[in-house]
Amino acid sequence: MAALSTLSIEERRRDDIIVEKSVIMPDHVHLRLYLKPGMDRPLAKLAQFINNFKRWTKFSCAKIGVEFEWERGYHDRLCLSREIIELADKYIENNPLKWYLMHGHPPPLKVVEPISSPRIPGDEWWSAAGAIELLAPERKICAIRLSRRIPVKDYSTVSERLMAAVDKGFVLAGTFISPCEREVARALIARGAPMIRAVPDPLALVYRPKGDEPRQFADGRLLLLSRVAAPGLSRYDAWHGINDALADFATSTTGGLSLYATSATDFRFSHCVSD
């Protein structure tokens, strides 16, 4: 609380540097600062601002009996576009949740390998992080592969059709790398729906979530799967193999679907298993 109060103090102490976004963490702090145009010696004034911040936070905490030392220096990054600013804001907003996942509630981020599931052939080695229960046999999975040739004007229609499948209880699974697939991923995140994403790259023993993933992991809405590509396999073939594997996962139980789409009207539900 003292540190939060200090942010207000520092905002009043300088009218050429404004704190626009901040979060106080157990062992560090994130600030997004706005330096007003035309400032004389901006980097020097930034350093002075940070030093003042450190001095005042230490002083404020000492008054309530909390003693600590700041590390020397600081790490700064320039945000040169609105897109980078928005990414920085999302990073700051998600930092407490990432900390909670890593330190207070680690199981969602623990990488399990090899995973065991009736959907996975015994001779295949897969790693996973997150909601592994999404692979349960009773789950209806729809593996999606959306062509890069799908026109931008069709993205919303394709997404709406797939959200209708989600409303019927399907869990969408895919690599989510094509532009239309990324649009679908955003729709899934917006409505809080579960999803399965797979990659042909190894996962670290403890996976560090990115972007919207912290909230998805915390809510049990994301399963991240990994099967490392064979040596010498091209990236195209590696991703293609992942898509084929997801199609097999989806159709290994009754009711599962595998979809390939090239437009809003060309939906090919191959490998369908029905009752």
Protein backbone atom coordinates (compact mmCIF):
# COMPACT_ATOMS: atom_id res chain seq x y z
CA MET A 1 0.00 0.00 0.00
CA ALA A 2 2.86 2.37 0.78
CA ALA A 3 4.33 1.68 -2.66
CA LEU A 4 0.98 2.34 -4.30
CA SER A 5 0.74 5.64 -2.44
CA THR A 6 4.21 6.49 -3.66
CA LEU A 7 3.02 6.21 -7.25
CA SER A 8 0.58 9.03 -6.53
CA ILE A 9 3.34 11.04 -4.85
CA GLU A 10 5.62 10.64 -7.84
CA GLU A 11 2.86 11.60 -10.25
CA ARG A 12 2.47 14.86 -8.37
CA ARG A 13 6.19 15.48 -8.05
CA ARG A 14 6.74 15.62 -11.82
CA ASP A 15 4.45 16.97 -14.51
CA ASP A 16 6.69 15.82 -17.37
CA ILE A 17 6.62 12.09 -16.46
CA ILE A 18 3.28 10.39 -15.90
CA VAL A 19 2.64 6.91 -14.50
CA GLU A 20 0.03 5.48 -16.88
CA LYS A 21 0.12 1.82 -15.78
CA SER A 22 1.64 0.08 -12.80
CA VAL A 23 1.64 -3.06 -10.71
CA ILE A 24 3.47 -3.82 -7.47
CA MET A 25 4.80 -7.38 -7.22
CA PRO A 26 6.33 -9.20 -4.23
CA ASP A 27 9.92 -8.58 -5.40
CA HIS A 28 9.66 -6.08 -8.27
CA VAL A 29 7.50 -3.39 -9.80
CA HIS A 30 6.31 -2.68 -13.35
CA LEU A 31 5.65 0.89 -14.50
CA ARG A 32 4.59 2.21 -17.87
CA LEU A 33 5.62 5.84 -17.97
CA TYR A 34 4.72 8.61 -20.39
CA LEU A 35 7.51 11.11 -21.02
CA LYS A 36 6.08 14.30 -22.42
CA PRO A 37 7.47 15.44 -25.80
CA GLY A 38 10.09 18.16 -25.85
CA MET A 39 11.57 17.21 -22.50
CA ASP A 40 15.18 18.26 -22.02
CA ARG A 41 17.52 15.30 -21.33
CA PRO A 42 14.68 12.74 -21.04
CA LEU A 43 16.87 9.75 -20.11
CA ALA A 44 18.51 11.65 -17.28
CA LYS A 45 15.12 12.73 -15.97
CA LEU A 46 13.83 9.19 -16.24
CA ALA A 47 16.75 7.95 -14.14
CA GLN A 48 16.07 10.68 -11.60
CA PHE A 49 12.39 9.69 -11.49
CA ILE A 50 13.25 6.03 -10.81
CA ASN A 51 15.77 6.97 -8.13
CA ASN A 52 13.18 9.18 -6.45
CA PHE A 53 10.65 6.36 -6.64
CA LYS A 54 13.07 3.96 -4.98
CA ARG A 55 13.99 6.44 -2.28
CA TRP A 56 10.38 7.29 -1.43
CA THR A 57 9.19 3.67 -1.40
CA LYS A 58 12.02 2.67 0.90
CA PHE A 59 11.27 5.63 3.16
CA SER A 60 7.52 4.89 3.19
CA CYS A 61 8.03 1.22 3.97
CA ALA A 62 10.56 1.97 6.71
CA LYS A 63 7.92 4.09 8.47
CA ILE A 64 5.72 1.00 8.86
CA GLY A 65 8.60 -1.24 9.91
CA VAL A 66 9.37 -2.88 6.56
CA GLU A 67 13.05 -2.87 5.65
CA PHE A 68 14.34 -3.80 2.19
CA GLU A 69 16.93 -2.82 -0.41
CA TRP A 70 16.35 -2.06 -4.08
CA GLU A 71 18.68 -3.57 -6.66
CA ARG A 72 20.85 -1.14 -8.56
CA GLY A 73 19.56 0.20 -11.88
CA TYR A 74 16.41 -0.68 -13.76
CA HIS A 75 15.30 -2.27 -17.01
CA ASP A 76 13.57 0.00 -19.52
CA ARG A 77 11.96 -0.58 -22.91
CA LEU A 78 10.70 1.98 -25.40
CA CYS A 79 7.09 1.58 -26.51
CA LEU A 80 7.11 3.10 -29.98
CA SER A 81 3.64 2.13 -31.21
CA ARG A 82 0.09 1.71 -29.90
CA GLU A 83 0.39 -2.06 -30.44
CA ILE A 84 3.49 -2.26 -28.22
CA ILE A 85 1.79 -0.11 -25.56
CA GLU A 86 -1.21 -2.45 -25.53
CA LEU A 87 1.09 -5.48 -25.22
CA ALA A 88 2.93 -3.80 -22.34
CA ASP A 89 -0.36 -3.03 -20.58
CA LYS A 90 -1.52 -6.64 -20.94
CA TYR A 91 1.81 -7.87 -19.58
CA ILE A 92 1.48 -5.57 -16.56
CA GLU A 93 -2.15 -6.56 -15.94
CA ASN A 94 -1.37 -10.29 -16.12
CA ASN A 95 1.75 -10.17 -13.96
CA PRO A 96 -0.01 -10.82 -10.62
CA LEU A 97 -1.85 -13.79 -12.12
CA LYS A 98 1.39 -15.17 -13.60
CA TRP A 99 3.00 -14.86 -10.18
CA TYR A 100 0.07 -16.68 -8.59
CA LEU A 101 0.27 -19.48 -11.14
CA MET A 102 4.03 -19.87 -10.78
CA HIS A 103 4.29 -19.55 -6.99
CA GLY A 104 0.90 -19.91 -5.34
CA HIS A 105 -0.81 -22.48 -7.54
CA PRO A 106 1.80 -24.27 -9.69
CA PRO A 107 -0.05 -27.42 -10.88
CA PRO A 108 -1.59 -25.84 -14.04
CA LEU A 109 1.87 -24.97 -15.32
CA LYS A 110 3.64 -28.18 -14.47
CA VAL A 111 4.55 -29.92 -17.72
CA VAL A 112 3.51 -33.58 -17.74
CA GLU A 113 5.39 -35.97 -20.00
CA PRO A 114 4.64 -38.38 -21.38
CA ILE A 115 0.90 -37.95 -20.99
CA SER A 116 -1.37 -40.95 -20.86
CA SER A 117 -4.74 -40.85 -22.61
CA PRO A 118 -6.91 -43.35 -24.49
CA ARG A 119 -6.75 -40.90 -27.38
CA ILE A 120 -2.95 -41.16 -27.73
CA PRO A 121 -1.24 -44.19 -29.29
CA GLY A 122 1.09 -45.92 -26.88
CA ASP A 123 4.16 -45.38 -29.08
CA GLU A 124 3.75 -41.57 -29.22
CA TRP A 125 5.41 -39.20 -26.76
CA TRP A 126 3.42 -36.08 -25.96
CA SER A 127 3.93 -33.38 -23.35
CA ALA A 128 1.15 -31.26 -21.86
CA ALA A 129 0.50 -28.28 -19.62
CA GLY A 130 -2.85 -27.16 -18.32
CA ALA A 131 -6.29 -28.75 -18.45
CA ILE A 132 -5.37 -32.32 -19.43
CA GLU A 133 -8.92 -33.38 -18.54
CA LEU A 134 -9.97 -31.88 -21.90
CA LEU A 135 -8.65 -35.11 -23.45
CA ALA A 136 -11.12 -37.25 -21.47
CA PRO A 137 -12.93 -39.79 -23.70
CA GLU A 138 -16.33 -38.29 -22.88
CA ARG A 139 -15.29 -34.90 -24.26
CA LYS A 140 -16.42 -34.08 -27.77
CA ILE A 141 -13.44 -32.60 -29.62
CA CYS A 142 -13.54 -30.82 -32.97
CA ALA A 143 -10.08 -30.58 -34.52
CA ILE A 144 -9.93 -27.57 -36.83
CA ARG A 145 -7.66 -26.74 -39.72
CA LEU A 146 -8.51 -23.41 -41.35
CA SER A 147 -6.74 -22.59 -44.60
CA ARG A 148 -4.64 -19.47 -44.96
CA ARG A 149 -6.59 -18.92 -48.18
CA ILE A 150 -9.78 -18.08 -46.31
CA PRO A 151 -10.60 -14.43 -47.18
CA VAL A 152 -10.53 -11.92 -44.34
CA LYS A 153 -14.18 -11.09 -45.04
CA ASP A 154 -15.07 -14.71 -44.12
CA TYR A 155 -13.30 -14.75 -40.73
CA SER A 156 -16.31 -13.66 -38.69
CA THR A 157 -18.64 -16.12 -40.44
CA VAL A 158 -16.24 -19.02 -39.93
CA SER A 159 -15.80 -18.03 -36.29
CA GLU A 160 -19.56 -17.84 -35.73
CA ARG A 161 -20.08 -21.29 -37.20
CA LEU A 162 -17.42 -22.73 -34.92
CA MET A 163 -18.84 -20.95 -31.88
CA ALA A 164 -22.12 -22.70 -32.65
CA ALA A 165 -20.22 -26.01 -32.31
CA VAL A 166 -18.80 -24.80 -29.00
CA ASP A 167 -22.36 -24.06 -27.83
CA LYS A 168 -23.19 -27.70 -28.57
CA GLY A 169 -20.42 -28.86 -26.24
CA PHE A 170 -17.46 -29.28 -28.57
CA VAL A 171 -13.93 -28.37 -27.50
CA LEU A 172 -11.99 -26.88 -30.42
CA ALA A 173 -8.47 -28.18 -30.95
CA GLY A 174 -5.87 -26.85 -33.35
CA THR A 175 -2.53 -25.21 -33.86
CA PHE A 176 -4.17 -21.79 -34.16
CA ILE A 177 -1.45 -20.41 -36.40
CA SER A 178 -3.31 -19.36 -39.56
CA PRO A 179 -4.90 -15.88 -39.49
CA CYS A 180 -8.42 -17.30 -39.41
CA GLU A 181 -7.47 -19.77 -36.67
CA ARG A 182 -6.11 -16.89 -34.59
CA GLU A 183 -9.43 -15.09 -35.06
CA VAL A 184 -11.22 -18.18 -33.76
CA ALA A 185 -8.82 -18.36 -30.79
CA ARG A 186 -9.67 -14.76 -29.90
CA ALA A 187 -13.38 -15.61 -30.04
CA LEU A 188 -12.84 -18.61 -27.74
CA ILE A 189 -10.92 -16.48 -25.25
CA ALA A 190 -13.57 -13.74 -25.35
CA ARG A 191 -16.36 -16.16 -24.45
CA GLY A 192 -14.32 -18.09 -21.88
CA ALA A 193 -14.52 -21.37 -23.80
CA PRO A 194 -11.99 -24.19 -23.39
CA MET A 195 -9.51 -24.94 -26.15
CA ILE A 196 -6.68 -27.33 -27.00
CA ARG A 197 -3.60 -25.94 -28.73
CA ALA A 198 -0.77 -28.10 -30.02
CA VAL A 199 2.78 -27.31 -31.14
CA PRO A 200 5.66 -29.34 -32.65
CA ASP A 201 8.18 -27.85 -30.22
CA PRO A 202 9.39 -29.00 -26.78
CA LEU A 203 7.93 -27.47 -23.64
CA ALA A 204 10.13 -26.38 -20.75
CA LEU A 205 9.70 -28.37 -17.53
CA VAL A 206 7.74 -25.41 -16.18
CA TYR A 207 5.80 -23.55 -18.83
CA ARG A 208 5.68 -19.76 -18.59
CA PRO A 209 2.33 -18.49 -19.91
CA LYS A 210 2.12 -15.63 -22.39
CA GLY A 211 -0.53 -13.16 -23.52
CA ASP A 212 -4.01 -14.33 -22.49
CA GLU A 213 -2.75 -17.73 -21.33
CA PRO A 214 -2.41 -16.94 -17.58
CA ARG A 215 -6.15 -16.44 -17.16
CA GLN A 216 -6.92 -19.45 -19.37
CA PHE A 217 -4.62 -21.69 -17.33
CA ALA A 218 -5.99 -20.40 -14.04
CA ASP A 219 -9.57 -21.07 -15.15
CA GLY A 220 -8.78 -24.54 -16.51
CA ARG A 221 -9.69 -23.52 -20.06
CA LEU A 222 -6.45 -24.29 -21.90
CA LEU A 223 -4.59 -27.48 -22.68
CA LEU A 224 -1.23 -27.00 -24.39
CA LEU A 225 0.07 -30.11 -26.14
CA SER A 226 3.52 -30.73 -27.60
CA ARG A 227 4.97 -33.45 -29.77
CA VAL A 228 8.54 -32.76 -30.82
CA ALA A 229 9.05 -33.09 -34.55
CA ALA A 230 11.38 -35.77 -35.87
CA PRO A 231 14.92 -34.59 -36.76
CA GLY A 232 15.18 -33.26 -40.30
CA LEU A 233 11.44 -32.75 -40.69
CA SER A 234 10.51 -29.41 -42.26
CA ARG A 235 8.45 -26.94 -40.24
CA TYR A 236 5.60 -27.30 -42.73
CA ASP A 237 5.57 -31.08 -42.32
CA ALA A 238 5.91 -30.77 -38.55
CA TRP A 239 2.81 -28.55 -38.27
CA HIS A 240 0.98 -30.74 -40.78
CA GLY A 241 1.73 -33.78 -38.62
CA ILE A 242 0.38 -32.02 -35.53
CA ASN A 243 -2.87 -31.26 -37.36
CA ASP A 244 -3.19 -34.89 -38.45
CA ALA A 245 -2.61 -36.05 -34.88
CA LEU A 246 -5.28 -33.69 -33.53
CA ALA A 247 -7.72 -35.04 -36.11
CA ASP A 248 -6.99 -38.56 -34.82
CA PHE A 249 -7.46 -37.42 -31.21
CA ALA A 250 -10.81 -35.85 -32.04
CA THR A 251 -12.21 -38.82 -33.92
CA SER A 252 -10.94 -41.49 -31.55
CA THR A 253 -14.21 -41.34 -29.60
CA THR A 254 -17.81 -41.29 -30.73
CA GLY A 255 -19.07 -37.84 -31.68
CA GLY A 256 -15.67 -36.30 -32.46
CA LEU A 257 -15.13 -34.23 -35.58
CA SER A 258 -12.25 -33.16 -37.77
CA LEU A 259 -12.75 -30.05 -39.88
CA TYR A 260 -10.87 -28.58 -42.82
CA ALA A 261 -12.20 -25.28 -44.18
CA THR A 262 -11.11 -23.17 -47.12
CA SER A 263 -13.94 -20.61 -46.97
CA ALA A 264 -17.05 -19.74 -44.99
CA THR A 265 -19.06 -22.17 -47.11
CA ASP A 266 -16.49 -24.93 -47.71
CA PHE A 267 -16.50 -26.85 -44.42
CA ARG A 268 -15.21 -30.41 -44.90
CA PHE A 269 -16.06 -32.57 -41.92
CA SER A 270 -13.79 -35.50 -42.68
CA HIS A 271 -12.95 -38.33 -40.27
CA CYS A 272 -16.31 -37.95 -38.58
CA VAL A 273 -17.33 -40.62 -36.10
CA SER A 274 -21.06 -40.78 -35.40
CA ASP A 275 -23.23 -42.76 -33.03
